[in-house]
Amino acid sequence: MGMKLKAIERNVSFDKNKTRYAFVLTPELYGKLTADKVIKEASLRSGLPKGVVNASWNALSDVIVAWATEGHSVAIPGLGTMRFGVRGNAVEKVDLVSTALITARRVIFTPSVEIKEELANTAISITCYDRNGKVIKQVTSADKGNVDEEGDGNNPTGGSGNTGENGGQGSGTTEGGGTTEGGGTDGDGNMG
């Protein structure tokens, strides 16, 4: 199986008087899997009773939240690590430092090497839609792509620097420092 993407032709101009169309990539999501379905499948694959898997799931969730909110980067077995971070404004004078500088609290997930390798080796198919919703092209690729995890700390600005699903440049953040904002729109074409 592979990942499915949509390339939808949208107006990406920020100027209300001009029109500039570009194809914007977005993933096709199949739906959200419920925790109950995940627990049931894990029970089948492990041979453990559903109640044991459910109790383990809940305990693991509690431990991750408790440790991450204490400032730890918490390993999630087989997946990667999770930690909390903040976005904030920078000030030049220490007298102005306060919690009011925090503009957002974030969850930062860094995938494991195994997951990044699996993602890099996953085939991708893209269905292209024109601005009227008509399918105009389909592309299938089994090539290796770059795996990017936003906010993993490897990029000095904290952002990916790539054009995101919104067709605009992404935003970047320095942990505990200033915020750099790029232009862009959300998936519905609204400025973000």
N, C-alpha and C. Protein backbone atom coordinates (compact mmCIF):
# COMPACT_ATOMS: atom_id res chain seq x y z
N MET A 1 0.85 -1.18 0.00
CA MET A 1 0.00 0.00 0.00
C MET A 1 0.89 1.23 0.00
N GLY A 2 0.38 2.32 -0.45
CA GLY A 2 1.14 3.55 -0.48
C GLY A 2 0.31 4.71 0.03
N MET A 3 0.92 5.86 0.01
CA MET A 3 0.22 7.07 0.43
C MET A 3 -0.44 7.70 -0.79
N LYS A 4 -1.62 8.27 -0.56
CA LYS A 4 -2.34 8.95 -1.63
C LYS A 4 -2.37 10.44 -1.32
N LEU A 5 -2.06 11.24 -2.35
CA LEU A 5 -2.09 12.69 -2.22
C LEU A 5 -3.02 13.27 -3.28
N LYS A 6 -3.48 14.50 -3.02
CA LYS A 6 -4.24 15.26 -4.00
C LYS A 6 -3.43 16.50 -4.34
N ALA A 7 -3.38 16.85 -5.61
CA ALA A 7 -2.81 18.12 -6.05
C ALA A 7 -3.97 18.92 -6.61
N ILE A 8 -4.41 19.92 -5.84
CA ILE A 8 -5.59 20.69 -6.21
C ILE A 8 -5.17 22.08 -6.67
N GLU A 9 -5.67 22.48 -7.85
CA GLU A 9 -5.34 23.80 -8.38
C GLU A 9 -6.11 24.86 -7.60
N ARG A 10 -5.35 25.77 -6.95
CA ARG A 10 -5.95 26.80 -6.11
C ARG A 10 -5.30 28.15 -6.37
N ASN A 11 -6.05 29.19 -6.07
CA ASN A 11 -5.51 30.54 -6.14
C ASN A 11 -4.61 30.74 -4.91
N VAL A 12 -3.33 30.96 -5.14
CA VAL A 12 -2.38 31.12 -4.03
C VAL A 12 -1.88 32.56 -3.90
N SER A 13 -2.51 33.47 -4.61
CA SER A 13 -2.10 34.87 -4.55
C SER A 13 -2.59 35.51 -3.26
N PHE A 14 -1.74 36.31 -2.65
CA PHE A 14 -2.12 37.05 -1.46
C PHE A 14 -2.69 38.42 -1.81
N ASP A 15 -2.56 38.79 -3.06
CA ASP A 15 -3.08 40.07 -3.54
C ASP A 15 -4.50 39.84 -4.03
N LYS A 16 -5.46 40.54 -3.44
CA LYS A 16 -6.87 40.36 -3.80
C LYS A 16 -7.16 40.75 -5.24
N ASN A 17 -6.31 41.57 -5.83
CA ASN A 17 -6.52 42.04 -7.20
C ASN A 17 -5.85 41.16 -8.25
N LYS A 18 -5.10 40.15 -7.81
CA LYS A 18 -4.38 39.29 -8.75
C LYS A 18 -4.76 37.83 -8.48
N THR A 19 -4.64 37.05 -9.51
CA THR A 19 -4.91 35.62 -9.40
C THR A 19 -3.67 34.88 -9.83
N ARG A 20 -3.24 33.93 -9.02
CA ARG A 20 -2.11 33.08 -9.36
C ARG A 20 -2.46 31.66 -8.93
N TYR A 21 -2.64 30.78 -9.89
CA TYR A 21 -3.02 29.41 -9.59
C TYR A 21 -1.78 28.53 -9.49
N ALA A 22 -1.83 27.60 -8.55
CA ALA A 22 -0.77 26.62 -8.39
C ALA A 22 -1.41 25.33 -7.86
N PHE A 23 -0.76 24.21 -8.09
CA PHE A 23 -1.26 22.94 -7.60
C PHE A 23 -0.71 22.72 -6.19
N VAL A 24 -1.61 22.57 -5.24
CA VAL A 24 -1.27 22.45 -3.83
C VAL A 24 -1.47 21.00 -3.40
N LEU A 25 -0.41 20.39 -2.86
CA LEU A 25 -0.48 19.00 -2.42
C LEU A 25 -1.08 18.89 -1.02
N THR A 26 -2.00 17.96 -0.86
CA THR A 26 -2.57 17.64 0.45
C THR A 26 -2.75 16.12 0.51
N PRO A 27 -2.59 15.53 1.68
CA PRO A 27 -2.79 14.08 1.78
C PRO A 27 -4.28 13.74 1.75
N GLU A 28 -4.58 12.59 1.19
CA GLU A 28 -5.94 12.06 1.26
C GLU A 28 -6.01 11.24 2.54
N LEU A 29 -6.79 11.71 3.48
CA LEU A 29 -6.92 11.00 4.75
C LEU A 29 -8.13 10.10 4.68
N TYR A 30 -7.96 8.87 5.15
CA TYR A 30 -9.04 7.89 5.08
C TYR A 30 -10.01 8.03 6.23
N GLY A 31 -9.61 8.67 7.27
CA GLY A 31 -10.43 8.82 8.45
C GLY A 31 -9.59 8.59 9.69
N LYS A 32 -10.14 8.96 10.80
CA LYS A 32 -9.44 8.81 12.07
C LYS A 32 -9.77 7.45 12.67
N LEU A 33 -8.74 6.69 13.00
CA LEU A 33 -8.96 5.40 13.66
C LEU A 33 -9.19 5.65 15.14
N THR A 34 -10.21 5.03 15.69
CA THR A 34 -10.51 5.19 17.11
C THR A 34 -9.52 4.40 17.94
N ALA A 35 -9.35 4.83 19.18
CA ALA A 35 -8.46 4.11 20.10
C ALA A 35 -8.94 2.67 20.27
N ASP A 36 -10.24 2.46 20.31
CA ASP A 36 -10.79 1.11 20.47
C ASP A 36 -10.37 0.20 19.32
N LYS A 37 -10.40 0.73 18.09
CA LYS A 37 -10.00 -0.08 16.93
C LYS A 37 -8.50 -0.40 16.99
N VAL A 38 -7.70 0.58 17.40
CA VAL A 38 -6.25 0.35 17.51
C VAL A 38 -5.97 -0.70 18.58
N ILE A 39 -6.65 -0.60 19.71
CA ILE A 39 -6.46 -1.56 20.80
C ILE A 39 -6.88 -2.96 20.36
N LYS A 40 -7.99 -3.06 19.67
CA LYS A 40 -8.47 -4.36 19.18
C LYS A 40 -7.45 -4.98 18.23
N GLU A 41 -6.92 -4.18 17.30
CA GLU A 41 -5.93 -4.70 16.34
C GLU A 41 -4.63 -5.09 17.04
N ALA A 42 -4.20 -4.28 18.01
CA ALA A 42 -2.98 -4.62 18.78
C ALA A 42 -3.19 -5.90 19.56
N SER A 43 -4.39 -6.10 20.08
CA SER A 43 -4.71 -7.33 20.80
C SER A 43 -4.61 -8.54 19.88
N LEU A 44 -5.15 -8.40 18.67
CA LEU A 44 -5.09 -9.51 17.70
C LEU A 44 -3.65 -9.82 17.30
N ARG A 45 -2.86 -8.78 17.06
CA ARG A 45 -1.48 -8.99 16.60
C ARG A 45 -0.56 -9.51 17.70
N SER A 46 -0.84 -9.13 18.95
CA SER A 46 0.04 -9.53 20.05
C SER A 46 -0.40 -10.82 20.73
N GLY A 47 -1.67 -11.18 20.58
CA GLY A 47 -2.21 -12.34 21.27
C GLY A 47 -2.57 -12.06 22.72
N LEU A 48 -2.47 -10.80 23.12
CA LEU A 48 -2.83 -10.41 24.48
C LEU A 48 -4.31 -10.06 24.54
N PRO A 49 -4.95 -10.31 25.69
CA PRO A 49 -6.36 -9.93 25.82
C PRO A 49 -6.54 -8.42 25.63
N LYS A 50 -7.69 -8.05 25.07
CA LYS A 50 -7.98 -6.65 24.80
C LYS A 50 -7.89 -5.80 26.06
N GLY A 51 -8.33 -6.33 27.20
CA GLY A 51 -8.28 -5.59 28.46
C GLY A 51 -6.86 -5.26 28.88
N VAL A 52 -5.93 -6.19 28.65
CA VAL A 52 -4.52 -5.97 28.99
C VAL A 52 -3.93 -4.88 28.09
N VAL A 53 -4.24 -4.97 26.80
CA VAL A 53 -3.73 -3.96 25.86
C VAL A 53 -4.32 -2.59 26.21
N ASN A 54 -5.61 -2.55 26.54
CA ASN A 54 -6.26 -1.30 26.90
C ASN A 54 -5.63 -0.69 28.16
N ALA A 55 -5.38 -1.51 29.18
CA ALA A 55 -4.76 -1.02 30.41
C ALA A 55 -3.34 -0.51 30.13
N SER A 56 -2.61 -1.22 29.29
CA SER A 56 -1.26 -0.80 28.93
C SER A 56 -1.28 0.51 28.15
N TRP A 57 -2.22 0.62 27.23
CA TRP A 57 -2.38 1.84 26.42
C TRP A 57 -2.62 3.04 27.33
N ASN A 58 -3.56 2.89 28.26
CA ASN A 58 -3.90 4.00 29.17
C ASN A 58 -2.73 4.36 30.07
N ALA A 59 -2.03 3.34 30.59
CA ALA A 59 -0.88 3.60 31.46
C ALA A 59 0.24 4.31 30.69
N LEU A 60 0.49 3.86 29.48
CA LEU A 60 1.53 4.47 28.65
C LEU A 60 1.18 5.93 28.36
N SER A 61 -0.06 6.20 28.04
CA SER A 61 -0.50 7.58 27.79
C SER A 61 -0.29 8.45 29.01
N ASP A 62 -0.67 7.94 30.19
CA ASP A 62 -0.52 8.71 31.43
C ASP A 62 0.95 9.02 31.72
N VAL A 63 1.81 8.04 31.50
CA VAL A 63 3.25 8.21 31.76
C VAL A 63 3.85 9.24 30.81
N ILE A 64 3.48 9.15 29.53
CA ILE A 64 4.02 10.09 28.54
C ILE A 64 3.61 11.51 28.88
N VAL A 65 2.34 11.72 29.20
CA VAL A 65 1.86 13.07 29.55
C VAL A 65 2.56 13.59 30.80
N ALA A 66 2.64 12.75 31.83
CA ALA A 66 3.26 13.17 33.09
C ALA A 66 4.72 13.56 32.89
N TRP A 67 5.48 12.72 32.21
CA TRP A 67 6.90 13.00 32.05
C TRP A 67 7.15 14.15 31.08
N ALA A 68 6.38 14.22 30.00
CA ALA A 68 6.59 15.30 29.04
C ALA A 68 6.27 16.66 29.65
N THR A 69 5.23 16.73 30.49
CA THR A 69 4.89 18.00 31.13
C THR A 69 5.88 18.39 32.23
N GLU A 70 6.72 17.45 32.63
CA GLU A 70 7.80 17.76 33.58
C GLU A 70 9.06 18.21 32.85
N GLY A 71 9.01 18.22 31.51
CA GLY A 71 10.16 18.70 30.74
C GLY A 71 11.02 17.62 30.13
N HIS A 72 10.58 16.38 30.18
CA HIS A 72 11.35 15.28 29.59
C HIS A 72 10.99 15.09 28.12
N SER A 73 11.95 14.62 27.34
CA SER A 73 11.69 14.11 26.00
C SER A 73 11.44 12.62 26.21
N VAL A 74 10.24 12.15 25.86
CA VAL A 74 9.83 10.80 26.21
C VAL A 74 9.87 9.89 24.99
N ALA A 75 10.57 8.77 25.12
CA ALA A 75 10.62 7.78 24.05
C ALA A 75 9.30 7.03 23.99
N ILE A 76 8.75 6.91 22.78
CA ILE A 76 7.56 6.11 22.55
C ILE A 76 8.04 4.89 21.77
N PRO A 77 8.05 3.71 22.42
CA PRO A 77 8.66 2.52 21.82
C PRO A 77 8.19 2.25 20.39
N GLY A 78 9.17 2.12 19.49
CA GLY A 78 8.90 1.80 18.11
C GLY A 78 8.43 2.97 17.26
N LEU A 79 8.20 4.13 17.86
CA LEU A 79 7.68 5.27 17.10
C LEU A 79 8.63 6.45 17.04
N GLY A 80 9.17 6.86 18.18
CA GLY A 80 10.05 8.02 18.21
C GLY A 80 10.02 8.65 19.59
N THR A 81 10.19 9.96 19.64
CA THR A 81 10.15 10.67 20.91
C THR A 81 9.18 11.84 20.83
N MET A 82 8.63 12.19 21.99
CA MET A 82 7.69 13.29 22.08
C MET A 82 8.13 14.22 23.20
N ARG A 83 7.94 15.51 22.97
CA ARG A 83 8.21 16.49 24.01
C ARG A 83 7.31 17.68 23.76
N PHE A 84 7.21 18.53 24.77
CA PHE A 84 6.45 19.76 24.63
C PHE A 84 7.40 20.91 24.34
N GLY A 85 6.93 21.90 23.65
CA GLY A 85 7.71 23.09 23.36
C GLY A 85 6.77 24.28 23.33
N VAL A 86 7.33 25.43 23.08
CA VAL A 86 6.52 26.65 23.00
C VAL A 86 6.97 27.48 21.82
N ARG A 87 6.05 28.29 21.33
CA ARG A 87 6.38 29.37 20.40
C ARG A 87 6.26 30.64 21.21
N GLY A 88 7.16 31.55 20.98
CA GLY A 88 7.11 32.78 21.75
C GLY A 88 7.74 33.93 21.02
N ASN A 89 7.43 35.10 21.49
CA ASN A 89 8.02 36.32 20.95
C ASN A 89 9.32 36.61 21.67
N ALA A 90 10.22 37.28 20.99
CA ALA A 90 11.51 37.65 21.57
C ALA A 90 11.45 39.10 22.05
N VAL A 91 12.15 39.37 23.12
CA VAL A 91 12.26 40.74 23.63
C VAL A 91 13.73 41.04 23.87
N GLU A 92 14.07 42.31 23.80
CA GLU A 92 15.47 42.71 23.95
C GLU A 92 15.87 42.95 25.39
N LYS A 93 14.90 43.21 26.28
CA LYS A 93 15.23 43.52 27.66
C LYS A 93 14.71 42.43 28.58
N VAL A 94 15.54 42.03 29.54
CA VAL A 94 15.15 40.98 30.47
C VAL A 94 13.93 41.36 31.30
N ASP A 95 13.74 42.65 31.54
CA ASP A 95 12.59 43.11 32.32
C ASP A 95 11.26 42.77 31.64
N LEU A 96 11.30 42.55 30.33
CA LEU A 96 10.08 42.28 29.56
C LEU A 96 9.77 40.78 29.44
N VAL A 97 10.67 39.94 29.96
CA VAL A 97 10.45 38.50 29.88
C VAL A 97 9.34 38.10 30.84
N SER A 98 8.33 37.44 30.30
CA SER A 98 7.22 36.92 31.10
C SER A 98 6.54 35.81 30.31
N THR A 99 5.64 35.13 30.96
CA THR A 99 4.91 34.07 30.27
C THR A 99 3.98 34.64 29.21
N ALA A 100 3.73 35.93 29.22
CA ALA A 100 2.91 36.56 28.19
C ALA A 100 3.59 36.50 26.82
N LEU A 101 4.89 36.21 26.78
CA LEU A 101 5.61 36.08 25.51
C LEU A 101 5.22 34.80 24.76
N ILE A 102 4.67 33.82 25.48
CA ILE A 102 4.32 32.55 24.86
C ILE A 102 3.09 32.75 23.98
N THR A 103 3.24 32.39 22.70
CA THR A 103 2.12 32.53 21.76
C THR A 103 1.44 31.19 21.51
N ALA A 104 2.13 30.08 21.75
CA ALA A 104 1.52 28.75 21.54
C ALA A 104 2.34 27.70 22.29
N ARG A 105 1.64 26.73 22.82
CA ARG A 105 2.29 25.55 23.39
C ARG A 105 2.14 24.44 22.36
N ARG A 106 3.22 23.68 22.15
CA ARG A 106 3.22 22.70 21.06
C ARG A 106 3.63 21.32 21.54
N VAL A 107 3.19 20.33 20.80
CA VAL A 107 3.66 18.96 20.97
C VAL A 107 4.62 18.71 19.82
N ILE A 108 5.83 18.29 20.14
CA ILE A 108 6.84 18.05 19.13
C ILE A 108 7.14 16.56 19.11
N PHE A 109 6.94 15.95 17.97
CA PHE A 109 7.20 14.51 17.81
C PHE A 109 8.34 14.33 16.82
N THR A 110 9.34 13.56 17.21
CA THR A 110 10.45 13.23 16.33
C THR A 110 10.38 11.73 16.06
N PRO A 111 10.10 11.35 14.81
CA PRO A 111 9.96 9.93 14.51
C PRO A 111 11.27 9.18 14.61
N SER A 112 11.16 7.88 14.84
CA SER A 112 12.34 7.02 14.91
C SER A 112 12.95 6.85 13.52
N VAL A 113 14.18 6.40 13.47
CA VAL A 113 14.86 6.14 12.21
C VAL A 113 14.08 5.12 11.40
N GLU A 114 13.53 4.11 12.06
CA GLU A 114 12.79 3.05 11.36
C GLU A 114 11.54 3.62 10.66
N ILE A 115 10.83 4.49 11.35
CA ILE A 115 9.63 5.08 10.74
C ILE A 115 10.01 5.99 9.58
N LYS A 116 11.08 6.77 9.74
CA LYS A 116 11.52 7.65 8.66
C LYS A 116 11.93 6.82 7.43
N GLU A 117 12.62 5.70 7.66
CA GLU A 117 13.01 4.84 6.55
C GLU A 117 11.78 4.23 5.87
N GLU A 118 10.81 3.80 6.66
CA GLU A 118 9.57 3.23 6.11
C GLU A 118 8.84 4.27 5.27
N LEU A 119 8.76 5.50 5.77
CA LEU A 119 8.09 6.57 5.04
C LEU A 119 8.84 6.89 3.75
N ALA A 120 10.17 6.92 3.82
CA ALA A 120 10.97 7.21 2.63
C ALA A 120 10.80 6.14 1.56
N ASN A 121 10.50 4.91 1.96
CA ASN A 121 10.35 3.81 1.01
C ASN A 121 8.91 3.57 0.59
N THR A 122 7.98 4.36 1.09
CA THR A 122 6.56 4.18 0.77
C THR A 122 6.23 4.81 -0.58
N ALA A 123 5.55 4.06 -1.43
CA ALA A 123 5.12 4.58 -2.73
C ALA A 123 4.08 5.67 -2.53
N ILE A 124 4.07 6.62 -3.44
CA ILE A 124 3.13 7.73 -3.38
C ILE A 124 2.39 7.83 -4.71
N SER A 125 1.08 8.01 -4.63
CA SER A 125 0.30 8.30 -5.84
C SER A 125 -0.38 9.65 -5.65
N ILE A 126 -0.40 10.43 -6.73
CA ILE A 126 -0.97 11.77 -6.68
C ILE A 126 -2.06 11.88 -7.75
N THR A 127 -3.22 12.34 -7.33
CA THR A 127 -4.30 12.64 -8.25
C THR A 127 -4.39 14.15 -8.37
N CYS A 128 -4.31 14.67 -9.60
CA CYS A 128 -4.33 16.11 -9.84
C CYS A 128 -5.73 16.55 -10.26
N TYR A 129 -6.21 17.61 -9.59
CA TYR A 129 -7.53 18.17 -9.87
C TYR A 129 -7.36 19.60 -10.35
N ASP A 130 -8.12 19.98 -11.39
CA ASP A 130 -8.09 21.38 -11.80
C ASP A 130 -8.97 22.20 -10.86
N ARG A 131 -9.04 23.50 -11.08
CA ARG A 131 -9.77 24.39 -10.17
C ARG A 131 -11.28 24.12 -10.16
N ASN A 132 -11.77 23.33 -11.13
CA ASN A 132 -13.19 22.97 -11.17
C ASN A 132 -13.47 21.60 -10.56
N GLY A 133 -12.42 20.95 -10.04
CA GLY A 133 -12.59 19.64 -9.40
C GLY A 133 -12.48 18.45 -10.34
N LYS A 134 -12.09 18.69 -11.59
CA LYS A 134 -11.96 17.62 -12.57
C LYS A 134 -10.57 16.98 -12.47
N VAL A 135 -10.53 15.63 -12.48
CA VAL A 135 -9.25 14.93 -12.46
C VAL A 135 -8.58 15.13 -13.81
N ILE A 136 -7.35 15.65 -13.78
CA ILE A 136 -6.65 15.93 -15.04
C ILE A 136 -5.35 15.13 -15.20
N LYS A 137 -4.89 14.50 -14.12
CA LYS A 137 -3.65 13.73 -14.23
C LYS A 137 -3.51 12.85 -13.00
N GLN A 138 -2.88 11.69 -13.19
CA GLN A 138 -2.54 10.83 -12.06
C GLN A 138 -1.07 10.44 -12.18
N VAL A 139 -0.37 10.53 -11.06
CA VAL A 139 1.05 10.24 -11.02
C VAL A 139 1.28 9.19 -9.94
N THR A 140 2.05 8.18 -10.28
CA THR A 140 2.41 7.16 -9.29
C THR A 140 3.92 7.07 -9.25
N SER A 141 4.45 7.02 -8.05
CA SER A 141 5.89 6.98 -7.88
C SER A 141 6.26 6.04 -6.77
N ALA A 142 7.29 5.28 -6.99
CA ALA A 142 7.82 4.41 -5.95
C ALA A 142 9.20 4.89 -5.52
N ASP A 143 9.55 6.11 -5.95
CA ASP A 143 10.88 6.63 -5.61
C ASP A 143 10.97 7.01 -4.14
N LYS A 144 12.22 7.06 -3.65
CA LYS A 144 12.44 7.48 -2.28
C LYS A 144 12.34 9.00 -2.22
N GLY A 145 11.66 9.47 -1.21
CA GLY A 145 11.53 10.91 -1.04
C GLY A 145 12.20 11.34 0.24
N ASN A 146 12.28 12.62 0.44
CA ASN A 146 12.84 13.14 1.67
C ASN A 146 11.80 13.07 2.77
N VAL A 147 12.21 12.67 3.95
CA VAL A 147 11.33 12.63 5.10
C VAL A 147 11.64 13.85 5.94
N ASP A 148 10.60 14.62 6.22
CA ASP A 148 10.80 15.86 6.97
C ASP A 148 9.90 15.83 8.18
N GLU A 149 10.47 16.05 9.34
CA GLU A 149 9.65 16.17 10.55
C GLU A 149 9.81 17.59 11.05
N GLU A 150 8.73 18.34 10.98
CA GLU A 150 8.78 19.75 11.33
C GLU A 150 9.05 19.93 12.81
N GLY A 151 9.92 20.87 13.11
CA GLY A 151 10.18 21.22 14.50
C GLY A 151 11.01 20.20 15.25
N ASP A 152 11.86 19.43 14.55
CA ASP A 152 12.65 18.42 15.24
C ASP A 152 13.93 18.97 15.85
N GLY A 153 14.19 20.25 15.64
CA GLY A 153 15.38 20.86 16.22
C GLY A 153 16.58 20.85 15.29
N ASN A 154 16.49 20.16 14.14
CA ASN A 154 17.61 20.11 13.21
C ASN A 154 17.69 21.35 12.34
N ASN A 155 16.61 22.08 12.19
CA ASN A 155 16.59 23.30 11.41
C ASN A 155 16.66 24.47 12.40
N PRO A 156 17.62 25.36 12.24
CA PRO A 156 17.78 26.42 13.22
C PRO A 156 16.53 27.27 13.43
N THR A 157 15.67 27.38 12.43
CA THR A 157 14.45 28.17 12.60
C THR A 157 13.33 27.35 13.18
N GLY A 158 13.50 26.04 13.25
CA GLY A 158 12.46 25.18 13.80
C GLY A 158 11.41 24.79 12.79
N GLY A 159 11.35 25.44 11.64
CA GLY A 159 10.37 25.11 10.61
C GLY A 159 11.01 24.26 9.54
N SER A 160 10.21 23.71 8.67
CA SER A 160 10.74 22.84 7.64
C SER A 160 11.39 23.63 6.52
N GLY A 161 10.95 24.87 6.32
CA GLY A 161 11.51 25.64 5.22
C GLY A 161 10.97 25.23 3.87
N ASN A 162 10.14 24.21 3.83
CA ASN A 162 9.57 23.74 2.58
C ASN A 162 8.22 24.38 2.38
N THR A 163 7.76 24.37 1.15
CA THR A 163 6.41 24.82 0.91
C THR A 163 5.47 23.79 1.48
N GLY A 164 4.57 24.20 2.32
CA GLY A 164 3.67 23.27 3.00
C GLY A 164 2.44 22.97 2.19
N GLU A 165 1.50 22.27 2.82
CA GLU A 165 0.28 21.88 2.13
C GLU A 165 -0.54 23.09 1.73
N ASN A 166 -0.20 24.23 2.29
CA ASN A 166 -0.98 25.42 2.02
C ASN A 166 -0.49 26.21 0.83
N GLY A 167 0.57 25.78 0.18
CA GLY A 167 1.06 26.48 -0.99
C GLY A 167 1.93 27.68 -0.67
N GLY A 168 2.12 27.98 0.59
CA GLY A 168 2.95 29.12 0.99
C GLY A 168 4.13 28.63 1.78
N GLN A 169 5.01 29.51 2.08
CA GLN A 169 6.17 29.17 2.88
C GLN A 169 5.74 28.92 4.31
N GLY A 170 6.29 27.93 4.97
CA GLY A 170 5.91 27.60 6.33
C GLY A 170 6.45 28.60 7.33
N SER A 171 6.00 28.48 8.55
CA SER A 171 6.50 29.35 9.60
C SER A 171 7.57 28.63 10.37
N GLY A 172 8.44 29.35 11.00
CA GLY A 172 9.49 28.75 11.78
C GLY A 172 9.53 29.34 13.17
N THR A 173 10.08 28.59 14.10
CA THR A 173 10.13 29.06 15.47
C THR A 173 11.46 28.64 16.07
N THR A 174 12.02 29.49 16.88
CA THR A 174 13.16 29.09 17.67
C THR A 174 12.63 28.74 19.04
N GLU A 175 13.01 27.60 19.56
CA GLU A 175 12.54 27.18 20.88
C GLU A 175 12.98 28.21 21.90
N GLY A 176 12.03 28.79 22.59
CA GLY A 176 12.33 29.77 23.61
C GLY A 176 12.74 31.12 23.07
N GLY A 177 12.74 31.28 21.74
CA GLY A 177 13.17 32.54 21.17
C GLY A 177 12.08 33.17 20.34
N GLY A 178 12.49 33.90 19.32
CA GLY A 178 11.54 34.65 18.50
C GLY A 178 10.84 33.77 17.49
N THR A 179 9.86 34.36 16.86
CA THR A 179 9.08 33.66 15.86
C THR A 179 9.31 34.30 14.52
N THR A 180 9.49 33.46 13.49
CA THR A 180 9.55 33.97 12.14
C THR A 180 8.33 33.43 11.43
N GLU A 181 7.60 34.30 10.80
CA GLU A 181 6.37 33.87 10.12
C GLU A 181 6.54 34.04 8.63
N GLY A 182 6.11 33.03 7.89
CA GLY A 182 6.08 33.11 6.44
C GLY A 182 4.65 33.27 6.00
N GLY A 183 4.46 33.60 4.76
CA GLY A 183 3.11 33.70 4.23
C GLY A 183 2.55 32.32 3.99
N GLY A 184 1.28 32.23 3.81
CA GLY A 184 0.69 30.95 3.49
C GLY A 184 -0.78 30.95 3.79
N THR A 185 -1.42 29.89 3.39
CA THR A 185 -2.83 29.74 3.65
C THR A 185 -3.06 28.37 4.23
N ASP A 186 -4.17 28.20 4.93
CA ASP A 186 -4.49 26.87 5.41
C ASP A 186 -5.07 26.07 4.25
N GLY A 187 -5.50 24.86 4.51
CA GLY A 187 -6.00 24.01 3.46
C GLY A 187 -7.23 24.55 2.76
N ASP A 188 -7.91 25.55 3.33
CA ASP A 188 -9.09 26.12 2.72
C ASP A 188 -8.80 27.43 2.00
N GLY A 189 -7.53 27.82 1.89
CA GLY A 189 -7.18 29.04 1.21
C GLY A 189 -7.19 30.28 2.09
N ASN A 190 -7.39 30.10 3.41
CA ASN A 190 -7.38 31.23 4.33
C ASN A 190 -5.96 31.55 4.73
N MET A 191 -5.66 32.83 4.89
CA MET A 191 -4.30 33.20 5.27
C MET A 191 -4.01 32.67 6.66
N GLY A 192 -2.77 32.13 6.86
CA GLY A 192 -2.43 31.55 8.14
C GLY A 192 -1.22 32.14 8.74
